[in-house]
Amino acid sequence: MIVESMTYDEIACKYNEIYEKVEPRYMAKADCNKMRRFLVKNKKAENVWFKPIEFEIDLSTVFCFLPFALSYKDFQKYGNHPYTLTYMRYIINKGYMVVVRGGEYDNEYAFYTSHFFDRYRERGLKNLSLEKEIVIMEFFKNNRSFCSRPFPKLDSENYIGVTDSGIIFSRKISNNITIYKTYITKEDLKEDQLDAVAEVGEGLEELLQYREQLRDIVLSQFSQQNYY
């Protein structure tokens, strides 16, 4: 069980421990034939997300597998198997937290705060009635991968990630652990809205002095892909 006093490194180890136990169960439960039949009937469908498969570890921890296919042809190329986005959801005093393992060597961990998903629900989905579990799922469906880089300087611990619809702010606290803190839309980059966002107390006040640089980065193409 994940408790408040655990460090991020300890939670990452717990993620690995749980993954080793539940991944074979997911492979046994995933109905690839059913997915294939759907894609055969919908050969022009793209970016198809199938029913998530979740394993309740304890009262506060759930391990989630989100199978998806970019297209029918892609599904075939992958041996008639889906790609899978995997994350662990757990609850602490501040609310839901999510951890995802990724990176070039699959040894980096992205921790998303409850506040992050509150802001994505408000600013990205614009639907405050959605349950947090749905918000988390929708974020990963809509932002399966994104570009990221240090900001405002190349040696900064703060990072920004750019998706099709918004900007993600994070902080790298070690070589393999990054904390994803908040989300704004590209519309929020307008001067008055960025001021309002910074005033909310999300630790973004320093962005105000780099607003032009931030806009330039968002409009440019990143060459380095983030694996989360």
C-alpha atoms as a PDB file:
ATOM      1  CA  MET A   1       0.000   0.000   0.000  1.00  0.00           C
ATOM      2  CA  ILE A   2       1.256   3.479  -0.892  1.00  0.00           C
ATOM      3  CA  VAL A   3       1.325   5.838   2.085  1.00  0.00           C
ATOM      4  CA  GLU A   4       1.916   9.588   2.444  1.00  0.00           C
ATOM      5  CA  SER A   5       5.414   9.171   3.917  1.00  0.00           C
ATOM      6  CA  MET A   6       6.814   7.237   0.923  1.00  0.00           C
ATOM      7  CA  THR A   7       9.349   8.963  -1.330  1.00  0.00           C
ATOM      8  CA  TYR A   8       8.959   9.133  -5.097  1.00  0.00           C
ATOM      9  CA  ASP A   9      11.756   6.574  -5.436  1.00  0.00           C
ATOM     10  CA  GLU A  10       9.929   4.196  -3.110  1.00  0.00           C
ATOM     11  CA  ILE A  11       6.699   4.630  -5.061  1.00  0.00           C
ATOM     12  CA  ALA A  12       8.583   3.979  -8.316  1.00  0.00           C
ATOM     13  CA  CYS A  13       9.864   0.714  -6.840  1.00  0.00           C
ATOM     14  CA  LYS A  14       6.313  -0.164  -5.786  1.00  0.00           C
ATOM     15  CA  TYR A  15       5.158   0.541  -9.362  1.00  0.00           C
ATOM     16  CA  ASN A  16       7.737  -1.944 -10.705  1.00  0.00           C
ATOM     17  CA  GLU A  17       6.751  -4.546  -8.139  1.00  0.00           C
ATOM     18  CA  ILE A  18       3.049  -4.279  -8.962  1.00  0.00           C
ATOM     19  CA  TYR A  19       3.643  -4.168 -12.717  1.00  0.00           C
ATOM     20  CA  GLU A  20       5.509  -7.479 -12.654  1.00  0.00           C
ATOM     21  CA  LYS A  21       2.515  -9.076 -10.948  1.00  0.00           C
ATOM     22  CA  VAL A  22      -0.327  -7.612 -13.025  1.00  0.00           C
ATOM     23  CA  GLU A  23       1.190  -7.410 -16.515  1.00  0.00           C
ATOM     24  CA  PRO A  24       0.782 -11.187 -17.152  1.00  0.00           C
ATOM     25  CA  ARG A  25      -2.831 -10.904 -15.960  1.00  0.00           C
ATOM     26  CA  TYR A  26      -3.418  -8.067 -18.414  1.00  0.00           C
ATOM     27  CA  MET A  27      -1.930 -10.073 -21.281  1.00  0.00           C
ATOM     28  CA  ALA A  28      -4.219 -12.977 -20.432  1.00  0.00           C
ATOM     29  CA  LYS A  29      -7.281 -10.764 -20.140  1.00  0.00           C
ATOM     30  CA  ALA A  30      -6.782  -8.549 -23.208  1.00  0.00           C
ATOM     31  CA  ASP A  31      -9.029  -9.888 -25.986  1.00  0.00           C
ATOM     32  CA  CYS A  32      -6.935  -9.197 -29.088  1.00  0.00           C
ATOM     33  CA  ASN A  33      -9.309 -11.168 -31.315  1.00  0.00           C
ATOM     34  CA  LYS A  34     -12.216  -8.963 -30.271  1.00  0.00           C
ATOM     35  CA  MET A  35     -10.112  -5.879 -30.968  1.00  0.00           C
ATOM     36  CA  ARG A  36      -9.166  -7.266 -34.365  1.00  0.00           C
ATOM     37  CA  ARG A  37     -12.810  -7.973 -35.255  1.00  0.00           C
ATOM     38  CA  PHE A  38     -13.704  -4.378 -34.409  1.00  0.00           C
ATOM     39  CA  LEU A  39     -10.903  -3.031 -36.581  1.00  0.00           C
ATOM     40  CA  VAL A  40     -11.821  -5.327 -39.478  1.00  0.00           C
ATOM     41  CA  LYS A  41     -15.325  -3.839 -39.405  1.00  0.00           C
ATOM     42  CA  ASN A  42     -13.915  -0.314 -39.052  1.00  0.00           C
ATOM     43  CA  LYS A  43     -10.821  -0.395 -41.238  1.00  0.00           C
ATOM     44  CA  LYS A  44     -10.739   3.367 -41.687  1.00  0.00           C
ATOM     45  CA  ALA A  45     -10.845   4.062 -37.962  1.00  0.00           C
ATOM     46  CA  GLU A  46      -7.791   5.775 -36.494  1.00  0.00           C
ATOM     47  CA  ASN A  47      -6.525   6.243 -32.951  1.00  0.00           C
ATOM     48  CA  VAL A  48      -8.918   3.657 -31.524  1.00  0.00           C
ATOM     49  CA  TRP A  49      -8.965   3.232 -27.737  1.00  0.00           C
ATOM     50  CA  PHE A  50     -10.383  -0.014 -26.451  1.00  0.00           C
ATOM     51  CA  LYS A  51     -11.974  -0.708 -23.097  1.00  0.00           C
ATOM     52  CA  PRO A  52      -9.471  -0.095 -20.279  1.00  0.00           C
ATOM     53  CA  ILE A  53      -8.437  -3.002 -18.084  1.00  0.00           C
ATOM     54  CA  GLU A  54      -7.890  -2.128 -14.430  1.00  0.00           C
ATOM     55  CA  PHE A  55      -6.610  -4.074 -11.453  1.00  0.00           C
ATOM     56  CA  GLU A  56      -7.484  -2.896  -7.955  1.00  0.00           C
ATOM     57  CA  ILE A  57      -4.383  -3.431  -5.841  1.00  0.00           C
ATOM     58  CA  ASP A  58      -5.871  -2.107  -2.593  1.00  0.00           C
ATOM     59  CA  LEU A  59      -8.419   0.482  -1.523  1.00  0.00           C
ATOM     60  CA  SER A  60      -6.232   3.385  -2.694  1.00  0.00           C
ATOM     61  CA  THR A  61      -4.240   1.934  -5.602  1.00  0.00           C
ATOM     62  CA  VAL A  62      -5.338   0.905  -9.111  1.00  0.00           C
ATOM     63  CA  PHE A  63      -3.150  -0.248 -11.990  1.00  0.00           C
ATOM     64  CA  CYS A  64      -4.549   0.718 -15.398  1.00  0.00           C
ATOM     65  CA  PHE A  65      -3.886  -0.629 -18.899  1.00  0.00           C
ATOM     66  CA  LEU A  66      -5.252   1.359 -21.857  1.00  0.00           C
ATOM     67  CA  PRO A  67      -5.012  -0.676 -25.088  1.00  0.00           C
ATOM     68  CA  PHE A  68      -5.175   1.263 -28.341  1.00  0.00           C
ATOM     69  CA  ALA A  69      -4.450   1.016 -32.062  1.00  0.00           C
ATOM     70  CA  LEU A  70      -3.367   3.810 -34.375  1.00  0.00           C
ATOM     71  CA  SER A  71      -5.072   2.050 -37.291  1.00  0.00           C
ATOM     72  CA  TYR A  72      -5.996  -1.408 -38.542  1.00  0.00           C
ATOM     73  CA  LYS A  73      -2.802  -1.649 -40.604  1.00  0.00           C
ATOM     74  CA  ASP A  74      -0.738  -0.631 -37.619  1.00  0.00           C
ATOM     75  CA  PHE A  75      -2.532  -3.245 -35.490  1.00  0.00           C
ATOM     76  CA  GLN A  76      -1.587  -5.885 -38.080  1.00  0.00           C
ATOM     77  CA  LYS A  77       2.038  -4.763 -38.186  1.00  0.00           C
ATOM     78  CA  TYR A  78       2.207  -5.140 -34.428  1.00  0.00           C
ATOM     79  CA  GLY A  79       1.251  -8.813 -34.702  1.00  0.00           C
ATOM     80  CA  ASN A  80      -2.492  -8.212 -34.278  1.00  0.00           C
ATOM     81  CA  HIS A  81      -1.870  -6.756 -30.834  1.00  0.00           C
ATOM     82  CA  PRO A  82      -2.637  -3.287 -29.488  1.00  0.00           C
ATOM     83  CA  TYR A  83      -0.211  -0.801 -28.089  1.00  0.00           C
ATOM     84  CA  THR A  84      -0.776  -0.270 -24.369  1.00  0.00           C
ATOM     85  CA  LEU A  85      -0.508   2.833 -22.238  1.00  0.00           C
ATOM     86  CA  THR A  86       0.054   1.863 -18.619  1.00  0.00           C
ATOM     87  CA  TYR A  87      -0.183   3.895 -15.439  1.00  0.00           C
ATOM     88  CA  MET A  88      -0.734   3.494 -11.710  1.00  0.00           C
ATOM     89  CA  ARG A  89      -3.343   5.630  -9.942  1.00  0.00           C
ATOM     90  CA  TYR A  90      -3.230   6.081  -6.170  1.00  0.00           C
ATOM     91  CA  ILE A  91      -4.764   8.346  -3.540  1.00  0.00           C
ATOM     92  CA  ILE A  92      -3.020  10.401  -0.889  1.00  0.00           C
ATOM     93  CA  ASN A  93      -4.276  13.281   1.281  1.00  0.00           C
ATOM     94  CA  LYS A  94      -3.982  15.748  -1.610  1.00  0.00           C
ATOM     95  CA  GLY A  95      -6.062  13.535  -3.903  1.00  0.00           C
ATOM     96  CA  TYR A  96      -5.297  11.328  -6.883  1.00  0.00           C
ATOM     97  CA  MET A  97      -1.707  10.888  -8.037  1.00  0.00           C
ATOM     98  CA  VAL A  98      -0.646   9.070 -11.190  1.00  0.00           C
ATOM     99  CA  VAL A  99       2.725   7.571 -12.089  1.00  0.00           C
ATOM    100  CA  VAL A 100       3.816   6.467 -15.567  1.00  0.00           C
ATOM    101  CA  ARG A 101       7.030   4.651 -16.418  1.00  0.00           C
ATOM    102  CA  GLY A 102       8.775   5.479 -19.682  1.00  0.00           C
ATOM    103  CA  GLY A 103      11.881   7.039 -21.175  1.00  0.00           C
ATOM    104  CA  GLU A 104      14.404   5.684 -23.650  1.00  0.00           C
ATOM    105  CA  TYR A 105      15.379   2.843 -21.313  1.00  0.00           C
ATOM    106  CA  ASP A 106      11.992   2.504 -19.612  1.00  0.00           C
ATOM    107  CA  ASN A 107      13.501   3.597 -16.312  1.00  0.00           C
ATOM    108  CA  GLU A 108      12.087   7.115 -15.932  1.00  0.00           C
ATOM    109  CA  TYR A 109       8.977   7.982 -13.932  1.00  0.00           C
ATOM    110  CA  ALA A 110       6.462  10.753 -14.502  1.00  0.00           C
ATOM    111  CA  PHE A 111       4.344  11.690 -11.484  1.00  0.00           C
ATOM    112  CA  TYR A 112       1.173  13.680 -12.177  1.00  0.00           C
ATOM    113  CA  THR A 113      -0.392  15.573  -9.288  1.00  0.00           C
ATOM    114  CA  SER A 114      -4.079  15.796  -8.467  1.00  0.00           C
ATOM    115  CA  HIS A 115      -3.845  19.537  -9.103  1.00  0.00           C
ATOM    116  CA  PHE A 116      -2.592  18.813 -12.637  1.00  0.00           C
ATOM    117  CA  PHE A 117      -5.735  16.855 -13.470  1.00  0.00           C
ATOM    118  CA  ASP A 118      -7.950  19.486 -11.844  1.00  0.00           C
ATOM    119  CA  ARG A 119      -6.494  22.046 -14.209  1.00  0.00           C
ATOM    120  CA  TYR A 120      -6.766  19.727 -17.219  1.00  0.00           C
ATOM    121  CA  ARG A 121     -10.438  19.114 -16.395  1.00  0.00           C
ATOM    122  CA  GLU A 122     -11.042  22.856 -16.095  1.00  0.00           C
ATOM    123  CA  ARG A 123      -8.897  24.183 -18.935  1.00  0.00           C
ATOM    124  CA  GLY A 124      -8.530  21.280 -21.345  1.00  0.00           C
ATOM    125  CA  LEU A 125     -11.788  19.349 -21.105  1.00  0.00           C
ATOM    126  CA  LYS A 126     -13.835  22.322 -19.854  1.00  0.00           C
ATOM    127  CA  ASN A 127     -16.136  19.961 -17.970  1.00  0.00           C
ATOM    128  CA  LEU A 128     -15.997  20.232 -14.192  1.00  0.00           C
ATOM    129  CA  SER A 129     -18.553  17.458 -13.746  1.00  0.00           C
ATOM    130  CA  LEU A 130     -16.230  14.683 -14.936  1.00  0.00           C
ATOM    131  CA  GLU A 131     -14.962  12.209 -12.347  1.00  0.00           C
ATOM    132  CA  LYS A 132     -11.209  12.353 -11.764  1.00  0.00           C
ATOM    133  CA  GLU A 133     -10.710   8.779 -13.046  1.00  0.00           C
ATOM    134  CA  ILE A 134     -12.265   9.798 -16.387  1.00  0.00           C
ATOM    135  CA  VAL A 135     -10.222  12.996 -16.532  1.00  0.00           C
ATOM    136  CA  ILE A 136      -7.002  11.013 -16.082  1.00  0.00           C
ATOM    137  CA  MET A 137      -7.970   8.598 -18.827  1.00  0.00           C
ATOM    138  CA  GLU A 138      -8.967  11.395 -21.207  1.00  0.00           C
ATOM    139  CA  PHE A 139      -5.681  13.198 -20.632  1.00  0.00           C
ATOM    140  CA  PHE A 140      -3.639  10.194 -21.704  1.00  0.00           C
ATOM    141  CA  LYS A 141      -5.907   9.472 -24.656  1.00  0.00           C
ATOM    142  CA  ASN A 142      -5.556  13.033 -25.917  1.00  0.00           C
ATOM    143  CA  ASN A 143      -1.886  13.475 -25.008  1.00  0.00           C
ATOM    144  CA  ARG A 144      -0.320  10.102 -25.615  1.00  0.00           C
ATOM    145  CA  SER A 145       3.029  11.704 -26.383  1.00  0.00           C
ATOM    146  CA  PHE A 146       4.341  15.244 -26.352  1.00  0.00           C
ATOM    147  CA  CYS A 147       7.503  17.249 -26.879  1.00  0.00           C
ATOM    148  CA  SER A 148       9.332  18.659 -23.887  1.00  0.00           C
ATOM    149  CA  ARG A 149      12.394  20.722 -23.031  1.00  0.00           C
ATOM    150  CA  PRO A 150      13.958  22.601 -20.113  1.00  0.00           C
ATOM    151  CA  PHE A 151      12.616  26.118 -19.552  1.00  0.00           C
ATOM    152  CA  PRO A 152      13.575  28.935 -19.362  1.00  0.00           C
ATOM    153  CA  LYS A 153      17.222  27.771 -19.623  1.00  0.00           C
ATOM    154  CA  LEU A 154      18.689  24.524 -20.907  1.00  0.00           C
ATOM    155  CA  ASP A 155      20.064  23.673 -17.439  1.00  0.00           C
ATOM    156  CA  SER A 156      16.771  24.457 -15.704  1.00  0.00           C
ATOM    157  CA  GLU A 157      14.997  21.880 -13.545  1.00  0.00           C
ATOM    158  CA  ASN A 158      11.697  23.229 -14.871  1.00  0.00           C
ATOM    159  CA  TYR A 159      10.359  21.755 -18.112  1.00  0.00           C
ATOM    160  CA  ILE A 160       7.556  22.582 -20.516  1.00  0.00           C
ATOM    161  CA  GLY A 161       5.787  20.057 -22.701  1.00  0.00           C
ATOM    162  CA  VAL A 162       3.728  21.001 -25.749  1.00  0.00           C
ATOM    163  CA  THR A 163       0.722  18.984 -26.904  1.00  0.00           C
ATOM    164  CA  ASP A 164      -1.680  19.655 -29.764  1.00  0.00           C
ATOM    165  CA  SER A 165      -3.912  21.701 -27.487  1.00  0.00           C
ATOM    166  CA  GLY A 166      -1.922  22.871 -24.509  1.00  0.00           C
ATOM    167  CA  ILE A 167       1.231  23.320 -22.457  1.00  0.00           C
ATOM    168  CA  ILE A 168       2.351  21.114 -19.588  1.00  0.00           C
ATOM    169  CA  PHE A 169       4.624  22.388 -16.814  1.00  0.00           C
ATOM    170  CA  SER A 170       6.819  19.997 -14.881  1.00  0.00           C
ATOM    171  CA  ARG A 171       9.870  19.855 -12.645  1.00  0.00           C
ATOM    172  CA  LYS A 172      12.656  17.294 -12.902  1.00  0.00           C
ATOM    173  CA  ILE A 173      13.686  16.409  -9.351  1.00  0.00           C
ATOM    174  CA  SER A 174      16.225  13.682 -10.243  1.00  0.00           C
ATOM    175  CA  ASN A 175      17.673  11.945 -13.288  1.00  0.00           C
ATOM    176  CA  ASN A 176      14.693   9.619 -13.542  1.00  0.00           C
ATOM    177  CA  ILE A 177      11.805  11.379 -11.777  1.00  0.00           C
ATOM    178  CA  THR A 178       9.718  14.288 -13.086  1.00  0.00           C
ATOM    179  CA  ILE A 179       6.706  15.875 -11.372  1.00  0.00           C
ATOM    180  CA  TYR A 180       3.978  17.165 -13.700  1.00  0.00           C
ATOM    181  CA  LYS A 181       2.428  20.126 -11.925  1.00  0.00           C
ATOM    182  CA  THR A 182      -0.105  21.962 -14.073  1.00  0.00           C
ATOM    183  CA  TYR A 183      -1.650  22.456 -17.508  1.00  0.00           C
ATOM    184  CA  ILE A 184      -2.710  25.484 -19.521  1.00  0.00           C
ATOM    185  CA  THR A 185      -4.197  25.769 -22.989  1.00  0.00           C
ATOM    186  CA  LYS A 186      -2.509  27.642 -25.809  1.00  0.00           C
ATOM    187  CA  GLU A 187      -5.279  30.191 -25.439  1.00  0.00           C
ATOM    188  CA  ASP A 188      -3.971  30.871 -21.914  1.00  0.00           C
ATOM    189  CA  LEU A 189      -0.765  32.251 -23.443  1.00  0.00           C
ATOM    190  CA  LYS A 190      -2.565  35.489 -24.194  1.00  0.00           C
ATOM    191  CA  GLU A 191      -1.137  38.159 -21.914  1.00  0.00           C
ATOM    192  CA  ASP A 192      -4.117  38.725 -19.642  1.00  0.00           C
ATOM    193  CA  GLN A 193      -4.865  35.020 -19.272  1.00  0.00           C
ATOM    194  CA  LEU A 194      -1.263  34.097 -18.496  1.00  0.00           C
ATOM    195  CA  ASP A 195      -1.306  36.788 -15.804  1.00  0.00           C
ATOM    196  CA  ALA A 196      -4.456  35.251 -14.344  1.00  0.00           C
ATOM    197  CA  VAL A 197      -2.993  31.742 -14.400  1.00  0.00           C
ATOM    198  CA  ALA A 198       0.191  32.895 -12.649  1.00  0.00           C
ATOM    199  CA  GLU A 199      -1.824  34.622  -9.948  1.00  0.00           C
ATOM    200  CA  VAL A 200      -3.564  31.386  -9.006  1.00  0.00           C
ATOM    201  CA  GLY A 201      -0.456  30.401  -7.069  1.00  0.00           C
ATOM    202  CA  GLU A 202       0.659  27.439  -9.164  1.00  0.00           C
ATOM    203  CA  GLY A 203       4.316  28.376  -8.979  1.00  0.00           C
ATOM    204  CA  LEU A 204       4.212  29.918 -12.458  1.00  0.00           C
ATOM    205  CA  GLU A 205       4.866  33.515 -11.452  1.00  0.00           C
ATOM    206  CA  GLU A 206       8.344  33.425 -12.997  1.00  0.00           C
ATOM    207  CA  LEU A 207       6.778  32.722 -16.393  1.00  0.00           C
ATOM    208  CA  LEU A 208       5.665  36.319 -16.682  1.00  0.00           C
ATOM    209  CA  GLN A 209       9.202  37.526 -17.389  1.00  0.00           C
ATOM    210  CA  TYR A 210       9.620  34.859 -20.082  1.00  0.00           C
ATOM    211  CA  ARG A 211       6.231  35.163 -21.776  1.00  0.00           C
ATOM    212  CA  GLU A 212       7.641  35.993 -25.240  1.00  0.00           C
ATOM    213  CA  GLN A 213      10.181  33.187 -25.058  1.00  0.00           C
ATOM    214  CA  LEU A 214       7.433  30.798 -23.989  1.00  0.00           C
ATOM    215  CA  ARG A 215       5.240  31.778 -26.926  1.00  0.00           C
ATOM    216  CA  ASP A 216       8.150  31.311 -29.349  1.00  0.00           C
ATOM    217  CA  ILE A 217       8.850  27.844 -27.997  1.00  0.00           C
ATOM    218  CA  VAL A 218       5.216  26.767 -28.225  1.00  0.00           C
ATOM    219  CA  LEU A 219       5.029  27.920 -31.834  1.00  0.00           C
ATOM    220  CA  SER A 220       8.260  26.172 -32.827  1.00  0.00           C
ATOM    221  CA  GLN A 221       8.847  22.514 -33.637  1.00  0.00           C
ATOM    222  CA  PHE A 222      10.626  20.422 -30.993  1.00  0.00           C
ATOM    223  CA  SER A 223      13.103  17.868 -32.216  1.00  0.00           C
ATOM    224  CA  GLN A 224      13.226  15.843 -28.978  1.00  0.00           C
ATOM    225  CA  GLN A 225      10.248  13.625 -28.101  1.00  0.00           C
ATOM    226  CA  ASN A 226       9.195  12.823 -24.566  1.00  0.00           C
ATOM    227  CA  TYR A 227       8.283   9.149 -24.132  1.00  0.00           C
ATOM    228  CA  TYR A 228       5.418   9.729 -21.689  1.00  0.00           C
END
